Amino acid sequence: MNNFHSESIDRLFRSMVNLKSVEDCYKYFEDLCTVKEIQDMAQRLETAIMLDCGENYQTISEKVGISTATIGRVSKCLKYGSGGYRDAIDKLRSEDTENDN
């Protein structure tokens, strides 16, 4: 996806990295995206987490409310993608573990 990289996309991602709290993210994403876009991204992350835990497509579809086609796309990205889902899931799990202690 090298053609995906651009100065404006770099700037977008840097702006996200600079957010300091969940509340900052809510404010920024409410301005940047539609509510539906935010919900769709959240569904995809939940799907990746559930796939990583071994859940089947039907269960995920029912619990998350996402199509099996989208589940398939998330699964493909989780297995063969650039590692973004894996990094996010691992960091969330590490954060959860730290909060449990």
PDB file of N, CA and C in Angstrom:
ATOM      1  N   MET A   1       0.818  -1.199   0.000  1.00  0.00           N
ATOM      2  CA  MET A   1       0.000   0.000   0.000  1.00  0.00           C
ATOM      3  C   MET A   1       0.862   1.263   0.000  1.00  0.00           C
ATOM      4  N   ASN A   2       2.001   1.211  -0.617  1.00  0.00           N
ATOM      5  CA  ASN A   2       2.883   2.374  -0.635  1.00  0.00           C
ATOM      6  C   ASN A   2       2.211   3.590  -1.260  1.00  0.00           C
ATOM      7  N   ASN A   3       1.334   3.401  -2.242  1.00  0.00           N
ATOM      8  CA  ASN A   3       0.660   4.535  -2.861  1.00  0.00           C
ATOM      9  C   ASN A   3      -0.356   5.168  -1.916  1.00  0.00           C
ATOM     10  N   PHE A   4      -0.625   4.529  -0.828  1.00  0.00           N
ATOM     11  CA  PHE A   4      -1.541   5.012   0.205  1.00  0.00           C
ATOM     12  C   PHE A   4      -0.904   6.148   1.000  1.00  0.00           C
ATOM     13  N   HIS A   5       0.410   6.153   1.090  1.00  0.00           N
ATOM     14  CA  HIS A   5       1.136   7.142   1.885  1.00  0.00           C
ATOM     15  C   HIS A   5       1.131   8.500   1.184  1.00  0.00           C
ATOM     16  N   SER A   6       0.880   9.529   1.967  1.00  0.00           N
ATOM     17  CA  SER A   6       0.956  10.888   1.438  1.00  0.00           C
ATOM     18  C   SER A   6       1.200  11.843   2.599  1.00  0.00           C
ATOM     19  N   GLU A   7       1.579  13.061   2.268  1.00  0.00           N
ATOM     20  CA  GLU A   7       1.831  14.068   3.290  1.00  0.00           C
ATOM     21  C   GLU A   7       0.570  14.364   4.097  1.00  0.00           C
ATOM     22  N   SER A   8      -0.560  14.446   3.421  1.00  0.00           N
ATOM     23  CA  SER A   8      -1.805  14.765   4.148  1.00  0.00           C
ATOM     24  C   SER A   8      -2.237  13.623   5.051  1.00  0.00           C
ATOM     25  N   ILE A   9      -2.031  12.381   4.625  1.00  0.00           N
ATOM     26  CA  ILE A   9      -2.375  11.244   5.483  1.00  0.00           C
ATOM     27  C   ILE A   9      -1.399  11.162   6.656  1.00  0.00           C
ATOM     28  N   ASP A  10      -0.128  11.429   6.403  1.00  0.00           N
ATOM     29  CA  ASP A  10       0.839  11.492   7.511  1.00  0.00           C
ATOM     30  C   ASP A  10       0.387  12.517   8.545  1.00  0.00           C
ATOM     31  N   ARG A  11      -0.050  13.685   8.088  1.00  0.00           N
ATOM     32  CA  ARG A  11      -0.497  14.744   8.995  1.00  0.00           C
ATOM     33  C   ARG A  11      -1.715  14.276   9.793  1.00  0.00           C
ATOM     34  N   LEU A  12      -2.644  13.592   9.125  1.00  0.00           N
ATOM     35  CA  LEU A  12      -3.822  13.058   9.813  1.00  0.00           C
ATOM     36  C   LEU A  12      -3.394  12.102  10.922  1.00  0.00           C
ATOM     37  N   PHE A  13      -2.522  11.169  10.609  1.00  0.00           N
ATOM     38  CA  PHE A  13      -2.085  10.192  11.603  1.00  0.00           C
ATOM     39  C   PHE A  13      -1.301  10.846  12.732  1.00  0.00           C
ATOM     40  N   ARG A  14      -0.459  11.833  12.415  1.00  0.00           N
ATOM     41  CA  ARG A  14       0.263  12.546  13.471  1.00  0.00           C
ATOM     42  C   ARG A  14      -0.710  13.262  14.396  1.00  0.00           C
ATOM     43  N   SER A  15      -1.785  13.801  13.821  1.00  0.00           N
ATOM     44  CA  SER A  15      -2.778  14.481  14.668  1.00  0.00           C
ATOM     45  C   SER A  15      -3.427  13.488  15.622  1.00  0.00           C
ATOM     46  N   MET A  16      -3.622  12.253  15.189  1.00  0.00           N
ATOM     47  CA  MET A  16      -4.211  11.233  16.055  1.00  0.00           C
ATOM     48  C   MET A  16      -3.241  10.801  17.143  1.00  0.00           C
ATOM     49  N   VAL A  17      -1.993  10.638  16.782  1.00  0.00           N
ATOM     50  CA  VAL A  17      -0.978  10.229  17.754  1.00  0.00           C
ATOM     51  C   VAL A  17      -0.842  11.274  18.856  1.00  0.00           C
ATOM     52  N   ASN A  18      -1.098  12.525  18.537  1.00  0.00           N
ATOM     53  CA  ASN A  18      -0.955  13.604  19.512  1.00  0.00           C
ATOM     54  C   ASN A  18      -2.129  13.719  20.477  1.00  0.00           C
ATOM     55  N   LEU A  19      -3.196  12.971  20.259  1.00  0.00           N
ATOM     56  CA  LEU A  19      -4.325  13.004  21.190  1.00  0.00           C
ATOM     57  C   LEU A  19      -3.899  12.361  22.502  1.00  0.00           C
ATOM     58  N   LYS A  20      -4.311  12.944  23.617  1.00  0.00           N
ATOM     59  CA  LYS A  20      -3.806  12.514  24.926  1.00  0.00           C
ATOM     60  C   LYS A  20      -4.788  11.695  25.757  1.00  0.00           C
ATOM     61  N   SER A  21      -6.061  11.704  25.386  1.00  0.00           N
ATOM     62  CA  SER A  21      -7.036  11.001  26.220  1.00  0.00           C
ATOM     63  C   SER A  21      -8.185  10.487  25.361  1.00  0.00           C
ATOM     64  N   VAL A  22      -8.959   9.592  25.949  1.00  0.00           N
ATOM     65  CA  VAL A  22     -10.156   9.095  25.265  1.00  0.00           C
ATOM     66  C   VAL A  22     -11.104  10.255  24.991  1.00  0.00           C
ATOM     67  N   GLU A  23     -11.216  11.174  25.931  1.00  0.00           N
ATOM     68  CA  GLU A  23     -12.086  12.341  25.738  1.00  0.00           C
ATOM     69  C   GLU A  23     -11.603  13.187  24.557  1.00  0.00           C
ATOM     70  N   ASP A  24     -10.284  13.367  24.422  1.00  0.00           N
ATOM     71  CA  ASP A  24      -9.746  14.068  23.254  1.00  0.00           C
ATOM     72  C   ASP A  24     -10.149  13.365  21.962  1.00  0.00           C
ATOM     73  N   CYS A  25     -10.095  12.040  21.980  1.00  0.00           N
ATOM     74  CA  CYS A  25     -10.475  11.254  20.797  1.00  0.00           C
ATOM     75  C   CYS A  25     -11.947  11.435  20.463  1.00  0.00           C
ATOM     76  N   TYR A  26     -12.804  11.406  21.485  1.00  0.00           N
ATOM     77  CA  TYR A  26     -14.237  11.626  21.235  1.00  0.00           C
ATOM     78  C   TYR A  26     -14.451  12.965  20.537  1.00  0.00           C
ATOM     79  N   LYS A  27     -13.835  14.010  21.063  1.00  0.00           N
ATOM     80  CA  LYS A  27     -14.028  15.344  20.486  1.00  0.00           C
ATOM     81  C   LYS A  27     -13.508  15.401  19.056  1.00  0.00           C
ATOM     82  N   TYR A  28     -12.328  14.869  18.831  1.00  0.00           N
ATOM     83  CA  TYR A  28     -11.708  14.927  17.512  1.00  0.00           C
ATOM     84  C   TYR A  28     -12.491  14.093  16.497  1.00  0.00           C
ATOM     85  N   PHE A  29     -12.806  12.861  16.866  1.00  0.00           N
ATOM     86  CA  PHE A  29     -13.488  11.976  15.930  1.00  0.00           C
ATOM     87  C   PHE A  29     -14.921  12.419  15.650  1.00  0.00           C
ATOM     88  N   GLU A  30     -15.578  13.039  16.619  1.00  0.00           N
ATOM     89  CA  GLU A  30     -16.912  13.586  16.356  1.00  0.00           C
ATOM     90  C   GLU A  30     -16.853  14.670  15.282  1.00  0.00           C
ATOM     91  N   ASP A  31     -15.790  15.442  15.253  1.00  0.00           N
ATOM     92  CA  ASP A  31     -15.614  16.463  14.227  1.00  0.00           C
ATOM     93  C   ASP A  31     -15.140  15.864  12.903  1.00  0.00           C
ATOM     94  N   LEU A  32     -14.301  14.847  12.978  1.00  0.00           N
ATOM     95  CA  LEU A  32     -13.651  14.284  11.807  1.00  0.00           C
ATOM     96  C   LEU A  32     -14.531  13.301  11.039  1.00  0.00           C
ATOM     97  N   CYS A  33     -15.304  12.502  11.754  1.00  0.00           N
ATOM     98  CA  CYS A  33     -16.052  11.395  11.156  1.00  0.00           C
ATOM     99  C   CYS A  33     -17.542  11.513  11.469  1.00  0.00           C
ATOM    100  N   THR A  34     -18.326  10.761  10.715  1.00  0.00           N
ATOM    101  CA  THR A  34     -19.730  10.623  11.084  1.00  0.00           C
ATOM    102  C   THR A  34     -19.821   9.615  12.225  1.00  0.00           C
ATOM    103  N   VAL A  35     -20.924   9.643  12.937  1.00  0.00           N
ATOM    104  CA  VAL A  35     -21.140   8.668  14.009  1.00  0.00           C
ATOM    105  C   VAL A  35     -21.089   7.255  13.430  1.00  0.00           C
ATOM    106  N   LYS A  36     -21.661   7.056  12.260  1.00  0.00           N
ATOM    107  CA  LYS A  36     -21.676   5.740  11.613  1.00  0.00           C
ATOM    108  C   LYS A  36     -20.251   5.271  11.307  1.00  0.00           C
ATOM    109  N   GLU A  37     -19.395   6.160  10.839  1.00  0.00           N
ATOM    110  CA  GLU A  37     -18.003   5.783  10.559  1.00  0.00           C
ATOM    111  C   GLU A  37     -17.280   5.356  11.829  1.00  0.00           C
ATOM    112  N   ILE A  38     -17.499   6.069  12.907  1.00  0.00           N
ATOM    113  CA  ILE A  38     -16.885   5.710  14.187  1.00  0.00           C
ATOM    114  C   ILE A  38     -17.400   4.354  14.656  1.00  0.00           C
ATOM    115  N   GLN A  39     -18.710   4.147  14.556  1.00  0.00           N
ATOM    116  CA  GLN A  39     -19.296   2.865  14.959  1.00  0.00           C
ATOM    117  C   GLN A  39     -18.761   1.733  14.098  1.00  0.00           C
ATOM    118  N   ASP A  40     -18.613   1.960  12.800  1.00  0.00           N
ATOM    119  CA  ASP A  40     -18.081   0.927  11.908  1.00  0.00           C
ATOM    120  C   ASP A  40     -16.651   0.546  12.294  1.00  0.00           C
ATOM    121  N   MET A  41     -15.822   1.544  12.594  1.00  0.00           N
ATOM    122  CA  MET A  41     -14.446   1.251  13.007  1.00  0.00           C
ATOM    123  C   MET A  41     -14.427   0.481  14.323  1.00  0.00           C
ATOM    124  N   ALA A  42     -15.286   0.869  15.258  1.00  0.00           N
ATOM    125  CA  ALA A  42     -15.358   0.163  16.544  1.00  0.00           C
ATOM    126  C   ALA A  42     -15.806  -1.278  16.338  1.00  0.00           C
ATOM    127  N   GLN A  43     -16.764  -1.494  15.437  1.00  0.00           N
ATOM    128  CA  GLN A  43     -17.224  -2.858  15.145  1.00  0.00           C
ATOM    129  C   GLN A  43     -16.095  -3.698  14.569  1.00  0.00           C
ATOM    130  N   ARG A  44     -15.297  -3.120  13.692  1.00  0.00           N
ATOM    131  CA  ARG A  44     -14.191  -3.870  13.089  1.00  0.00           C
ATOM    132  C   ARG A  44     -13.153  -4.254  14.138  1.00  0.00           C
ATOM    133  N   LEU A  45     -12.854  -3.341  15.043  1.00  0.00           N
ATOM    134  CA  LEU A  45     -11.905  -3.679  16.106  1.00  0.00           C
ATOM    135  C   LEU A  45     -12.475  -4.769  17.004  1.00  0.00           C
ATOM    136  N   GLU A  46     -13.744  -4.655  17.399  1.00  0.00           N
ATOM    137  CA  GLU A  46     -14.377  -5.699  18.222  1.00  0.00           C
ATOM    138  C   GLU A  46     -14.333  -7.037  17.495  1.00  0.00           C
ATOM    139  N   THR A  47     -14.570  -7.016  16.199  1.00  0.00           N
ATOM    140  CA  THR A  47     -14.523  -8.234  15.392  1.00  0.00           C
ATOM    141  C   THR A  47     -13.128  -8.840  15.417  1.00  0.00           C
ATOM    142  N   ALA A  48     -12.099  -8.022  15.249  1.00  0.00           N
ATOM    143  CA  ALA A  48     -10.724  -8.528  15.283  1.00  0.00           C
ATOM    144  C   ALA A  48     -10.405  -9.150  16.640  1.00  0.00           C
ATOM    145  N   ILE A  49     -10.840  -8.504  17.702  1.00  0.00           N
ATOM    146  CA  ILE A  49     -10.601  -9.035  19.049  1.00  0.00           C
ATOM    147  C   ILE A  49     -11.304 -10.384  19.216  1.00  0.00           C
ATOM    148  N   MET A  50     -12.552 -10.449  18.777  1.00  0.00           N
ATOM    149  CA  MET A  50     -13.308 -11.697  18.920  1.00  0.00           C
ATOM    150  C   MET A  50     -12.720 -12.812  18.053  1.00  0.00           C
ATOM    151  N   LEU A  51     -12.287 -12.482  16.830  1.00  0.00           N
ATOM    152  CA  LEU A  51     -11.628 -13.483  15.986  1.00  0.00           C
ATOM    153  C   LEU A  51     -10.358 -13.993  16.654  1.00  0.00           C
ATOM    154  N   ASP A  52      -9.604 -13.086  17.232  1.00  0.00           N
ATOM    155  CA  ASP A  52      -8.367 -13.452  17.905  1.00  0.00           C
ATOM    156  C   ASP A  52      -8.621 -14.367  19.097  1.00  0.00           C
ATOM    157  N   CYS A  53      -9.817 -14.244  19.686  1.00  0.00           N
ATOM    158  CA  CYS A  53     -10.202 -15.107  20.810  1.00  0.00           C
ATOM    159  C   CYS A  53     -10.832 -16.422  20.344  1.00  0.00           C
ATOM    160  N   GLY A  54     -10.936 -16.610  19.023  1.00  0.00           N
ATOM    161  CA  GLY A  54     -11.441 -17.864  18.491  1.00  0.00           C
ATOM    162  C   GLY A  54     -12.933 -17.929  18.245  1.00  0.00           C
ATOM    163  N   GLU A  55     -13.625 -16.793  18.335  1.00  0.00           N
ATOM    164  CA  GLU A  55     -15.074 -16.781  18.081  1.00  0.00           C
ATOM    165  C   GLU A  55     -15.351 -17.073  16.607  1.00  0.00           C
ATOM    166  N   ASN A  56     -16.490 -17.703  16.332  1.00  0.00           N
ATOM    167  CA  ASN A  56     -16.856 -17.998  14.947  1.00  0.00           C
ATOM    168  C   ASN A  56     -17.633 -16.837  14.324  1.00  0.00           C
ATOM    169  N   TYR A  57     -17.719 -16.852  13.013  1.00  0.00           N
ATOM    170  CA  TYR A  57     -18.342 -15.754  12.271  1.00  0.00           C
ATOM    171  C   TYR A  57     -19.781 -15.507  12.706  1.00  0.00           C
ATOM    172  N   GLN A  58     -20.542 -16.571  12.891  1.00  0.00           N
ATOM    173  CA  GLN A  58     -21.966 -16.413  13.242  1.00  0.00           C
ATOM    174  C   GLN A  58     -22.118 -15.712  14.588  1.00  0.00           C
ATOM    175  N   THR A  59     -21.346 -16.130  15.555  1.00  0.00           N
ATOM    176  CA  THR A  59     -21.397 -15.507  16.883  1.00  0.00           C
ATOM    177  C   THR A  59     -21.016 -14.034  16.802  1.00  0.00           C
ATOM    178  N   ILE A  60     -19.956 -13.746  16.063  1.00  0.00           N
ATOM    179  CA  ILE A  60     -19.511 -12.358  15.916  1.00  0.00           C
ATOM    180  C   ILE A  60     -20.591 -11.535  15.226  1.00  0.00           C
ATOM    181  N   SER A  61     -21.149 -12.067  14.163  1.00  0.00           N
ATOM    182  CA  SER A  61     -22.193 -11.347  13.426  1.00  0.00           C
ATOM    183  C   SER A  61     -23.366 -11.002  14.325  1.00  0.00           C
ATOM    184  N   GLU A  62     -23.777 -11.958  15.151  1.00  0.00           N
ATOM    185  CA  GLU A  62     -24.914 -11.733  16.052  1.00  0.00           C
ATOM    186  C   GLU A  62     -24.568 -10.735  17.167  1.00  0.00           C
ATOM    187  N   LYS A  63     -23.388 -10.875  17.757  1.00  0.00           N
ATOM    188  CA  LYS A  63     -23.022 -10.022  18.891  1.00  0.00           C
ATOM    189  C   LYS A  63     -22.639  -8.604  18.468  1.00  0.00           C
ATOM    190  N   VAL A  64     -21.949  -8.479  17.353  1.00  0.00           N
ATOM    191  CA  VAL A  64     -21.427  -7.184  16.931  1.00  0.00           C
ATOM    192  C   VAL A  64     -22.365  -6.485  15.953  1.00  0.00           C
ATOM    193  N   GLY A  65     -23.175  -7.274  15.248  1.00  0.00           N
ATOM    194  CA  GLY A  65     -24.074  -6.689  14.262  1.00  0.00           C
ATOM    195  C   GLY A  65     -23.351  -6.294  12.988  1.00  0.00           C
ATOM    196  N   ILE A  66     -22.473  -7.163  12.535  1.00  0.00           N
ATOM    197  CA  ILE A  66     -21.642  -6.894  11.359  1.00  0.00           C
ATOM    198  C   ILE A  66     -21.826  -8.041  10.373  1.00  0.00           C
ATOM    199  N   SER A  67     -21.684  -7.767   9.089  1.00  0.00           N
ATOM    200  CA  SER A  67     -21.897  -8.797   8.076  1.00  0.00           C
ATOM    201  C   SER A  67     -20.748  -9.803   8.082  1.00  0.00           C
ATOM    202  N   THR A  68     -21.041 -11.000   7.620  1.00  0.00           N
ATOM    203  CA  THR A  68     -19.996 -12.017   7.538  1.00  0.00           C
ATOM    204  C   THR A  68     -18.944 -11.625   6.495  1.00  0.00           C
ATOM    205  N   ALA A  69     -19.326 -10.855   5.481  1.00  0.00           N
ATOM    206  CA  ALA A  69     -18.353 -10.369   4.494  1.00  0.00           C
ATOM    207  C   ALA A  69     -17.330  -9.451   5.161  1.00  0.00           C
ATOM    208  N   THR A  70     -17.795  -8.566   6.029  1.00  0.00           N
ATOM    209  CA  THR A  70     -16.881  -7.675   6.738  1.00  0.00           C
ATOM    210  C   THR A  70     -16.030  -8.460   7.723  1.00  0.00           C
ATOM    211  N   ILE A  71     -16.625  -9.448   8.364  1.00  0.00           N
ATOM    212  CA  ILE A  71     -15.851 -10.311   9.274  1.00  0.00           C
ATOM    213  C   ILE A  71     -14.723 -10.981   8.493  1.00  0.00           C
ATOM    214  N   GLY A  72     -15.037 -11.464   7.288  1.00  0.00           N
ATOM    215  CA  GLY A  72     -14.022 -12.088   6.445  1.00  0.00           C
ATOM    216  C   GLY A  72     -12.891 -11.137   6.099  1.00  0.00           C
ATOM    217  N   ARG A  73     -13.241  -9.898   5.812  1.00  0.00           N
ATOM    218  CA  ARG A  73     -12.213  -8.897   5.495  1.00  0.00           C
ATOM    219  C   ARG A  73     -11.335  -8.621   6.711  1.00  0.00           C
ATOM    220  N   VAL A  74     -11.955  -8.479   7.872  1.00  0.00           N
ATOM    221  CA  VAL A  74     -11.187  -8.247   9.103  1.00  0.00           C
ATOM    222  C   VAL A  74     -10.287  -9.448   9.387  1.00  0.00           C
ATOM    223  N   SER A  75     -10.822 -10.653   9.198  1.00  0.00           N
ATOM    224  CA  SER A  75     -10.034 -11.862   9.425  1.00  0.00           C
ATOM    225  C   SER A  75      -8.816 -11.900   8.514  1.00  0.00           C
ATOM    226  N   LYS A  76      -9.022 -11.549   7.246  1.00  0.00           N
ATOM    227  CA  LYS A  76      -7.907 -11.529   6.290  1.00  0.00           C
ATOM    228  C   LYS A  76      -6.855 -10.512   6.720  1.00  0.00           C
ATOM    229  N   CYS A  77      -7.286  -9.339   7.150  1.00  0.00           N
ATOM    230  CA  CYS A  77      -6.341  -8.318   7.616  1.00  0.00           C
ATOM    231  C   CYS A  77      -5.620  -8.769   8.881  1.00  0.00           C
ATOM    232  N   LEU A  78      -6.339  -9.409   9.774  1.00  0.00           N
ATOM    233  CA  LEU A  78      -5.737  -9.889  11.022  1.00  0.00           C
ATOM    234  C   LEU A  78      -4.658 -10.927  10.734  1.00  0.00           C
ATOM    235  N   LYS A  79      -4.921 -11.805   9.771  1.00  0.00           N
ATOM    236  CA  LYS A  79      -3.975 -12.883   9.457  1.00  0.00           C
ATOM    237  C   LYS A  79      -2.858 -12.438   8.517  1.00  0.00           C
ATOM    238  N   TYR A  80      -3.201 -11.646   7.486  1.00  0.00           N
ATOM    239  CA  TYR A  80      -2.247 -11.372   6.419  1.00  0.00           C
ATOM    240  C   TYR A  80      -1.964  -9.886   6.194  1.00  0.00           C
ATOM    241  N   GLY A  81      -2.532  -9.043   7.015  1.00  0.00           N
ATOM    242  CA  GLY A  81      -2.384  -7.605   6.828  1.00  0.00           C
ATOM    243  C   GLY A  81      -1.052  -7.083   7.323  1.00  0.00           C
ATOM    244  N   SER A  82      -0.998  -5.795   7.527  1.00  0.00           N
ATOM    245  CA  SER A  82       0.255  -5.139   7.906  1.00  0.00           C
ATOM    246  C   SER A  82       0.559  -5.228   9.398  1.00  0.00           C
ATOM    247  N   GLY A  83      -0.327  -5.834  10.186  1.00  0.00           N
ATOM    248  CA  GLY A  83      -0.074  -6.018  11.611  1.00  0.00           C
ATOM    249  C   GLY A  83      -0.720  -4.966  12.494  1.00  0.00           C
ATOM    250  N   GLY A  84      -1.513  -4.089  11.906  1.00  0.00           N
ATOM    251  CA  GLY A  84      -2.155  -3.035  12.686  1.00  0.00           C
ATOM    252  C   GLY A  84      -3.130  -3.564  13.720  1.00  0.00           C
ATOM    253  N   TYR A  85      -3.972  -4.512  13.310  1.00  0.00           N
ATOM    254  CA  TYR A  85      -4.905  -5.106  14.282  1.00  0.00           C
ATOM    255  C   TYR A  85      -4.131  -5.802  15.396  1.00  0.00           C
ATOM    256  N   ARG A  86      -3.108  -6.571  15.021  1.00  0.00           N
ATOM    257  CA  ARG A  86      -2.317  -7.318  16.017  1.00  0.00           C
ATOM    258  C   ARG A  86      -1.703  -6.359  17.032  1.00  0.00           C
ATOM    259  N   ASP A  87      -1.095  -5.289  16.557  1.00  0.00           N
ATOM    260  CA  ASP A  87      -0.494  -4.308  17.471  1.00  0.00           C
ATOM    261  C   ASP A  87      -1.544  -3.703  18.396  1.00  0.00           C
ATOM    262  N   ALA A  88      -2.683  -3.320  17.831  1.00  0.00           N
ATOM    263  CA  ALA A  88      -3.743  -2.688  18.631  1.00  0.00           C
ATOM    264  C   ALA A  88      -4.273  -3.653  19.688  1.00  0.00           C
ATOM    265  N   ILE A  89      -4.531  -4.895  19.293  1.00  0.00           N
ATOM    266  CA  ILE A  89      -5.053  -5.892  20.234  1.00  0.00           C
ATOM    267  C   ILE A  89      -4.042  -6.149  21.349  1.00  0.00           C
ATOM    268  N   ASP A  90      -2.785  -6.331  20.978  1.00  0.00           N
ATOM    269  CA  ASP A  90      -1.752  -6.595  21.983  1.00  0.00           C
ATOM    270  C   ASP A  90      -1.617  -5.429  22.963  1.00  0.00           C
ATOM    271  N   LYS A  91      -1.669  -4.199  22.452  1.00  0.00           N
ATOM    272  CA  LYS A  91      -1.557  -3.029  23.327  1.00  0.00           C
ATOM    273  C   LYS A  91      -2.768  -2.900  24.241  1.00  0.00           C
ATOM    274  N   LEU A  92      -3.959  -3.182  23.719  1.00  0.00           N
ATOM    275  CA  LEU A  92      -5.157  -3.136  24.556  1.00  0.00           C
ATOM    276  C   LEU A  92      -5.092  -4.193  25.653  1.00  0.00           C
ATOM    277  N   ARG A  93      -4.638  -5.389  25.316  1.00  0.00           N
ATOM    278  CA  ARG A  93      -4.513  -6.458  26.316  1.00  0.00           C
ATOM    279  C   ARG A  93      -3.475  -6.100  27.367  1.00  0.00           C
ATOM    280  N   SER A  94      -2.378  -5.526  26.944  1.00  0.00           N
ATOM    281  CA  SER A  94      -1.338  -5.115  27.878  1.00  0.00           C
ATOM    282  C   SER A  94      -1.881  -4.033  28.814  1.00  0.00           C
ATOM    283  N   GLU A  95      -2.635  -3.093  28.253  1.00  0.00           N
ATOM    284  CA  GLU A  95      -3.248  -2.031  29.067  1.00  0.00           C
ATOM    285  C   GLU A  95      -4.234  -2.619  30.053  1.00  0.00           C
ATOM    286  N   ASP A  96      -5.034  -3.591  29.607  1.00  0.00           N
ATOM    287  CA  ASP A  96      -6.001  -4.233  30.498  1.00  0.00           C
ATOM    288  C   ASP A  96      -5.298  -4.962  31.633  1.00  0.00           C
ATOM    289  N   THR A  97      -4.180  -5.638  31.320  1.00  0.00           N
ATOM    290  CA  THR A  97      -3.416  -6.350  32.329  1.00  0.00           C
ATOM    291  C   THR A  97      -2.838  -5.377  33.356  1.00  0.00           C
ATOM    292  N   GLU A  98      -2.312  -4.255  32.878  1.00  0.00           N
ATOM    293  CA  GLU A  98      -1.762  -3.253  33.793  1.00  0.00           C
ATOM    294  C   GLU A  98      -2.849  -2.675  34.696  1.00  0.00           C
ATOM    295  N   ASN A  99      -4.045  -2.473  34.167  1.00  0.00           N
ATOM    296  CA  ASN A  99      -5.150  -1.932  34.953  1.00  0.00           C
ATOM    297  C   ASN A  99      -5.677  -2.936  35.966  1.00  0.00           C
ATOM    298  N   ASP A 100      -5.490  -4.239  35.689  1.00  0.00           N
ATOM    299  CA  ASP A 100      -5.938  -5.272  36.624  1.00  0.00           C
ATOM    300  C   ASP A 100      -5.018  -5.372  37.843  1.00  0.00           C
ATOM    301  N   ASN A 101      -3.783  -4.927  37.684  1.00  0.00           N
ATOM    302  CA  ASN A 101      -2.804  -5.039  38.788  1.00  0.00           C
ATOM    303  C   ASN A 101      -2.846  -3.850  39.700  1.00  0.00           C
TER     304      ASN A 101
END
